Amino acid sequence: MSTAVTSVNASAPLQFYWDADDVNDQYYLYLYFNEVEELAASETRAFNITVNEKFWYGPVIPTYRAAYTVYSNSATPLTGAARYQVSLSKTENSSLPPILNAVEIYKIKDFSESETA
């Protein structure tokens, strides 16, 4: 992971969203982080993640050239919303904005009914 996205405004959160087809759908969210530049001794990057304005994980402190994954576990998929708004917001002590290298969103498919007759 050699590239990352960040917000245009360094003090603004990095945000993205997706719309659910049905509020009962369940999703697994995977977020990938890797610091792509060596930070100066005076620089820090730390941020928290919220989903639909509820704390989800944090703080994330990416390490230079070391991949880090944050994901929803099988016991707690995301469900119950028509839209999922994900926000990465820098912590009070962070001098740099959040970064995001990659994201994957999986929708859970129920295969409880046999497809063959």
C-alpha atoms as a PDB file:
ATOM      1  CA  MET A   1       0.000   0.000   0.000  1.00  0.00           C
ATOM      2  CA  SER A   2       1.977   2.932  -1.257  1.00  0.00           C
ATOM      3  CA  THR A   3      -0.819   5.492  -1.666  1.00  0.00           C
ATOM      4  CA  ALA A   4      -3.382   6.980   0.680  1.00  0.00           C
ATOM      5  CA  VAL A   5      -6.246   9.440   0.635  1.00  0.00           C
ATOM      6  CA  THR A   6      -6.657  12.268   3.126  1.00  0.00           C
ATOM      7  CA  SER A   7      -9.084  15.145   3.530  1.00  0.00           C
ATOM      8  CA  VAL A   8      -8.468  18.374   1.620  1.00  0.00           C
ATOM      9  CA  ASN A   9      -8.889  20.407   4.804  1.00  0.00           C
ATOM     10  CA  ALA A  10      -6.418  19.112   7.396  1.00  0.00           C
ATOM     11  CA  SER A  11      -8.813  19.812  10.275  1.00  0.00           C
ATOM     12  CA  ALA A  12     -11.871  18.228   8.611  1.00  0.00           C
ATOM     13  CA  PRO A  13     -12.708  14.532   8.984  1.00  0.00           C
ATOM     14  CA  LEU A  14     -12.189  12.116   6.122  1.00  0.00           C
ATOM     15  CA  GLN A  15     -15.639  10.742   5.273  1.00  0.00           C
ATOM     16  CA  PHE A  16     -17.348   8.287   2.954  1.00  0.00           C
ATOM     17  CA  TYR A  17     -20.703   6.555   2.887  1.00  0.00           C
ATOM     18  CA  TRP A  18     -22.715   3.825   1.218  1.00  0.00           C
ATOM     19  CA  ASP A  19     -26.454   3.208   1.001  1.00  0.00           C
ATOM     20  CA  ALA A  20     -27.961  -0.110   2.062  1.00  0.00           C
ATOM     21  CA  ASP A  21     -30.406  -1.842  -0.259  1.00  0.00           C
ATOM     22  CA  ASP A  22     -32.437  -2.806   2.821  1.00  0.00           C
ATOM     23  CA  VAL A  23     -32.096  -1.676   6.455  1.00  0.00           C
ATOM     24  CA  ASN A  24     -31.948  -5.345   7.487  1.00  0.00           C
ATOM     25  CA  ASP A  25     -28.844  -5.995   5.361  1.00  0.00           C
ATOM     26  CA  GLN A  26     -25.681  -6.783   7.303  1.00  0.00           C
ATOM     27  CA  TYR A  27     -22.207  -5.574   6.338  1.00  0.00           C
ATOM     28  CA  TYR A  28     -18.607  -6.216   7.290  1.00  0.00           C
ATOM     29  CA  LEU A  29     -16.332  -3.206   6.967  1.00  0.00           C
ATOM     30  CA  TYR A  30     -12.553  -3.492   6.507  1.00  0.00           C
ATOM     31  CA  LEU A  31     -10.322  -0.407   6.608  1.00  0.00           C
ATOM     32  CA  TYR A  32      -6.615  -0.545   5.739  1.00  0.00           C
ATOM     33  CA  PHE A  33      -3.969   1.862   6.974  1.00  0.00           C
ATOM     34  CA  ASN A  34      -0.259   2.321   6.335  1.00  0.00           C
ATOM     35  CA  GLU A  35       1.748   5.473   6.937  1.00  0.00           C
ATOM     36  CA  VAL A  36       3.165   6.286   3.500  1.00  0.00           C
ATOM     37  CA  GLU A  37       5.707   8.880   4.608  1.00  0.00           C
ATOM     38  CA  GLU A  38       8.209   9.082   7.409  1.00  0.00           C
ATOM     39  CA  LEU A  39       6.915  11.619   9.880  1.00  0.00           C
ATOM     40  CA  ALA A  40       9.147  14.237  11.436  1.00  0.00           C
ATOM     41  CA  ALA A  41       9.730  13.942  15.172  1.00  0.00           C
ATOM     42  CA  SER A  42       7.302  16.820  15.736  1.00  0.00           C
ATOM     43  CA  GLU A  43       4.516  15.237  13.632  1.00  0.00           C
ATOM     44  CA  THR A  44       1.868  12.795  14.813  1.00  0.00           C
ATOM     45  CA  ARG A  45      -1.059  11.119  13.116  1.00  0.00           C
ATOM     46  CA  ALA A  46      -3.839   9.632  15.231  1.00  0.00           C
ATOM     47  CA  PHE A  47      -7.554   9.429  14.547  1.00  0.00           C
ATOM     48  CA  ASN A  48     -10.799   7.842  15.656  1.00  0.00           C
ATOM     49  CA  ILE A  49     -13.385   6.117  13.476  1.00  0.00           C
ATOM     50  CA  THR A  50     -17.125   6.605  13.806  1.00  0.00           C
ATOM     51  CA  VAL A  51     -19.947   4.928  11.902  1.00  0.00           C
ATOM     52  CA  ASN A  52     -23.193   6.908  11.790  1.00  0.00           C
ATOM     53  CA  GLU A  53     -21.809   9.236  14.469  1.00  0.00           C
ATOM     54  CA  LYS A  54     -21.144   6.377  16.920  1.00  0.00           C
ATOM     55  CA  PHE A  55     -17.601   5.601  18.050  1.00  0.00           C
ATOM     56  CA  TRP A  56     -16.405   2.463  16.241  1.00  0.00           C
ATOM     57  CA  TYR A  57     -12.625   2.250  16.779  1.00  0.00           C
ATOM     58  CA  GLY A  58      -9.634   4.271  17.807  1.00  0.00           C
ATOM     59  CA  PRO A  59      -7.328   5.768  18.069  1.00  0.00           C
ATOM     60  CA  VAL A  60      -5.678   4.496  14.898  1.00  0.00           C
ATOM     61  CA  ILE A  61      -1.982   5.386  14.766  1.00  0.00           C
ATOM     62  CA  PRO A  62      -0.583   4.204  11.425  1.00  0.00           C
ATOM     63  CA  THR A  63       3.005   2.998  11.379  1.00  0.00           C
ATOM     64  CA  TYR A  64       5.399   3.776   8.541  1.00  0.00           C
ATOM     65  CA  ARG A  65       5.484   0.882   6.044  1.00  0.00           C
ATOM     66  CA  ALA A  66       3.439  -1.412   8.295  1.00  0.00           C
ATOM     67  CA  ALA A  67      -0.065  -2.413   7.217  1.00  0.00           C
ATOM     68  CA  TYR A  68      -2.822  -2.198   9.813  1.00  0.00           C
ATOM     69  CA  THR A  69      -6.411  -3.411   9.384  1.00  0.00           C
ATOM     70  CA  VAL A  70      -9.505  -2.392  11.329  1.00  0.00           C
ATOM     71  CA  TYR A  71     -12.600  -4.498  10.714  1.00  0.00           C
ATOM     72  CA  SER A  72     -16.018  -5.398  12.047  1.00  0.00           C
ATOM     73  CA  ASN A  73     -16.019  -8.859  13.550  1.00  0.00           C
ATOM     74  CA  SER A  74     -18.473 -11.636  12.807  1.00  0.00           C
ATOM     75  CA  ALA A  75     -20.369 -11.030  16.061  1.00  0.00           C
ATOM     76  CA  THR A  76     -21.104  -7.392  15.268  1.00  0.00           C
ATOM     77  CA  PRO A  77     -21.812  -6.739  11.587  1.00  0.00           C
ATOM     78  CA  LEU A  78     -23.126  -3.303  10.671  1.00  0.00           C
ATOM     79  CA  THR A  79     -26.918  -3.392  10.274  1.00  0.00           C
ATOM     80  CA  GLY A  80     -30.108  -1.395  10.790  1.00  0.00           C
ATOM     81  CA  ALA A  81     -29.359   1.748   8.775  1.00  0.00           C
ATOM     82  CA  ALA A  82     -30.386   2.989   5.345  1.00  0.00           C
ATOM     83  CA  ARG A  83     -27.034   4.793   4.965  1.00  0.00           C
ATOM     84  CA  TYR A  84     -23.668   4.176   6.586  1.00  0.00           C
ATOM     85  CA  GLN A  85     -21.527   7.287   7.101  1.00  0.00           C
ATOM     86  CA  VAL A  86     -17.932   6.513   8.079  1.00  0.00           C
ATOM     87  CA  SER A  87     -15.843   9.348   9.519  1.00  0.00           C
ATOM     88  CA  LEU A  88     -12.152   9.374  10.381  1.00  0.00           C
ATOM     89  CA  SER A  89     -11.457  12.322  12.696  1.00  0.00           C
ATOM     90  CA  LYS A  90      -8.057  13.338  14.001  1.00  0.00           C
ATOM     91  CA  THR A  91      -7.531  13.274  17.745  1.00  0.00           C
ATOM     92  CA  GLU A  92      -6.804  16.423  19.760  1.00  0.00           C
ATOM     93  CA  ASN A  93      -3.071  15.701  19.889  1.00  0.00           C
ATOM     94  CA  SER A  94      -2.670  14.774  16.223  1.00  0.00           C
ATOM     95  CA  SER A  95      -0.820  17.263  14.045  1.00  0.00           C
ATOM     96  CA  LEU A  96      -1.783  15.516  10.789  1.00  0.00           C
ATOM     97  CA  PRO A  97      -5.155  14.566   9.283  1.00  0.00           C
ATOM     98  CA  PRO A  98      -6.417  10.975   8.982  1.00  0.00           C
ATOM     99  CA  ILE A  99      -5.366   8.777   6.072  1.00  0.00           C
ATOM    100  CA  LEU A 100      -7.001   5.766   4.459  1.00  0.00           C
ATOM    101  CA  ASN A 101      -5.228   3.378   2.101  1.00  0.00           C
ATOM    102  CA  ALA A 102      -8.048   1.007   1.180  1.00  0.00           C
ATOM    103  CA  VAL A 103     -11.569  -0.009   2.123  1.00  0.00           C
ATOM    104  CA  GLU A 104     -13.629  -3.155   1.557  1.00  0.00           C
ATOM    105  CA  ILE A 105     -17.332  -3.549   2.302  1.00  0.00           C
ATOM    106  CA  TYR A 106     -18.920  -6.991   2.274  1.00  0.00           C
ATOM    107  CA  LYS A 107     -22.659  -7.585   2.312  1.00  0.00           C
ATOM    108  CA  ILE A 108     -23.708 -10.771   4.102  1.00  0.00           C
ATOM    109  CA  LYS A 109     -25.674 -13.110   1.869  1.00  0.00           C
ATOM    110  CA  ASP A 110     -27.996 -15.660   3.472  1.00  0.00           C
ATOM    111  CA  PHE A 111     -27.673 -19.059   1.784  1.00  0.00           C
ATOM    112  CA  SER A 112     -30.042 -20.847   4.163  1.00  0.00           C
ATOM    113  CA  GLU A 113     -32.379 -21.878   1.331  1.00  0.00           C
ATOM    114  CA  SER A 114     -31.144 -24.438  -1.149  1.00  0.00           C
ATOM    115  CA  GLU A 115     -30.689 -23.103  -4.672  1.00  0.00           C
ATOM    116  CA  THR A 116     -31.456 -26.506  -6.194  1.00  0.00           C
ATOM    117  CA  ALA A 117     -34.777 -28.296  -6.262  1.00  0.00           C
END
